[in-house]
Amino acid sequence: MKRFPAGEGRGNGGDPTPDQPGIRIYAPPVYRHHKDGARWSKRPGDTPNAAYACICGQTRMATGSHAVAALVADYDAHKAACSGALARLPEGRTAA
């Protein structure tokens, strides 16, 4: 059994949408060879990225470890405050 079938898990999986809300975080591990003599690898891993979407229509994306951490905090705050109602655009006379 493949761990990530069809290329999933490499940061290229589908981002969440308002139709399929949620959060996707890709934070790759840093691998090292067991014979390299270092306790921790000094080789950088791939750049982490994340995206979220809410049923109200709000979407956000972030790239980089600090931006991804901020996006996760923003997602938690938005989830706590969001009523789930769609953001409606003004129509007719109220739009003018």
Protein backbone atom coordinates (compact mmCIF):
# COMPACT_ATOMS: atom_id res chain seq x y z
CA MET A 1 0.00 0.00 0.00
CA LYS A 2 1.37 3.41 -0.96
CA ARG A 3 1.61 6.01 1.75
CA PHE A 4 0.60 8.91 -0.53
CA PRO A 5 -1.31 7.52 -3.50
CA ALA A 6 -1.53 9.59 -6.71
CA GLY A 7 1.00 12.24 -5.60
CA GLU A 8 -0.93 13.30 -2.51
CA GLY A 9 1.03 14.48 0.53
CA ARG A 10 3.61 16.45 -1.44
CA GLY A 11 1.97 19.84 -1.06
CA ASN A 12 0.26 19.56 -4.42
CA GLY A 13 -2.97 18.05 -3.20
CA GLY A 14 -6.12 20.05 -3.75
CA ASP A 15 -6.57 23.13 -1.65
CA PRO A 16 -9.76 23.40 0.39
CA THR A 17 -12.64 25.30 -1.19
CA PRO A 18 -15.84 26.77 0.27
CA ASP A 19 -17.60 23.68 -1.12
CA GLN A 20 -15.06 21.46 0.68
CA PRO A 21 -13.98 23.58 3.67
CA GLY A 22 -11.07 22.80 5.94
CA ILE A 23 -7.36 23.33 6.28
CA ARG A 24 -4.46 21.69 4.42
CA ILE A 25 -0.96 21.90 5.85
CA TYR A 26 2.12 20.55 4.12
CA ALA A 27 5.16 20.55 6.38
CA PRO A 28 7.75 18.15 5.00
CA PRO A 29 10.04 16.22 7.31
CA VAL A 30 13.79 16.70 7.16
CA TYR A 31 15.50 13.39 6.48
CA ARG A 32 19.07 12.46 7.21
CA HIS A 33 21.16 9.44 6.46
CA HIS A 34 21.88 7.30 9.52
CA LYS A 35 25.62 7.30 8.71
CA ASP A 36 26.14 11.04 8.26
CA GLY A 37 27.44 11.49 11.83
CA ALA A 38 25.15 14.40 12.65
CA ARG A 39 22.54 14.14 15.36
CA TRP A 40 20.16 16.35 13.35
CA SER A 41 20.20 17.06 9.67
CA LYS A 42 21.46 20.42 8.51
CA ARG A 43 19.94 19.84 5.09
CA PRO A 44 16.84 22.02 4.66
CA GLY A 45 13.58 20.36 3.74
CA ASP A 46 10.96 21.56 1.31
CA THR A 47 9.15 24.83 2.08
CA PRO A 48 6.02 24.34 4.21
CA ASN A 49 2.74 25.69 2.87
CA ALA A 50 -0.89 25.76 3.94
CA ALA A 51 -4.33 26.83 2.76
CA TYR A 52 -7.76 27.02 4.32
CA ALA A 53 -11.30 27.71 3.19
CA CYS A 54 -14.49 28.31 5.15
CA ILE A 55 -18.08 27.73 4.09
CA CYS A 56 -18.63 31.50 4.43
CA GLY A 57 -16.31 31.98 1.44
CA GLN A 58 -13.13 33.16 3.18
CA THR A 59 -9.94 31.57 1.87
CA ARG A 60 -6.28 32.11 2.77
CA MET A 61 -2.92 30.66 1.70
CA ALA A 62 0.58 30.86 3.22
CA THR A 63 4.11 29.75 2.37
CA GLY A 64 7.00 29.52 4.82
CA SER A 65 7.11 28.28 8.40
CA HIS A 66 6.22 31.57 10.12
CA ALA A 67 3.42 32.36 7.66
CA VAL A 68 1.98 28.84 8.02
CA ALA A 69 1.96 29.14 11.82
CA ALA A 70 0.17 32.51 11.52
CA LEU A 71 -2.34 31.00 9.09
CA VAL A 72 -3.16 28.18 11.51
CA ALA A 73 -3.79 30.75 14.28
CA ASP A 74 -5.94 32.81 11.87
CA TYR A 75 -7.92 29.69 10.92
CA ASP A 76 -8.58 28.85 14.58
CA ALA A 77 -9.73 32.41 15.30
CA HIS A 78 -11.92 32.51 12.20
CA LYS A 79 -13.51 29.15 13.01
CA ALA A 80 -14.37 30.35 16.52
CA ALA A 81 -15.96 33.59 15.28
CA CYS A 82 -17.55 32.49 11.99
CA SER A 83 -21.29 31.94 11.88
CA GLY A 84 -20.98 29.87 8.72
CA ALA A 85 -23.29 32.17 6.78
CA LEU A 86 -22.26 33.04 3.27
CA ALA A 87 -20.96 36.57 2.82
CA ARG A 88 -23.65 38.13 0.65
CA LEU A 89 -22.92 40.85 -1.84
CA PRO A 90 -25.36 43.76 -1.94
CA GLU A 91 -27.88 43.59 -4.78
CA GLY A 92 -30.13 46.06 -6.50
CA ARG A 93 -30.41 49.51 -4.93
CA THR A 94 -28.18 48.67 -1.96
CA ALA A 95 -25.32 47.84 -4.33
CA ALA A 96 -25.29 51.36 -5.76
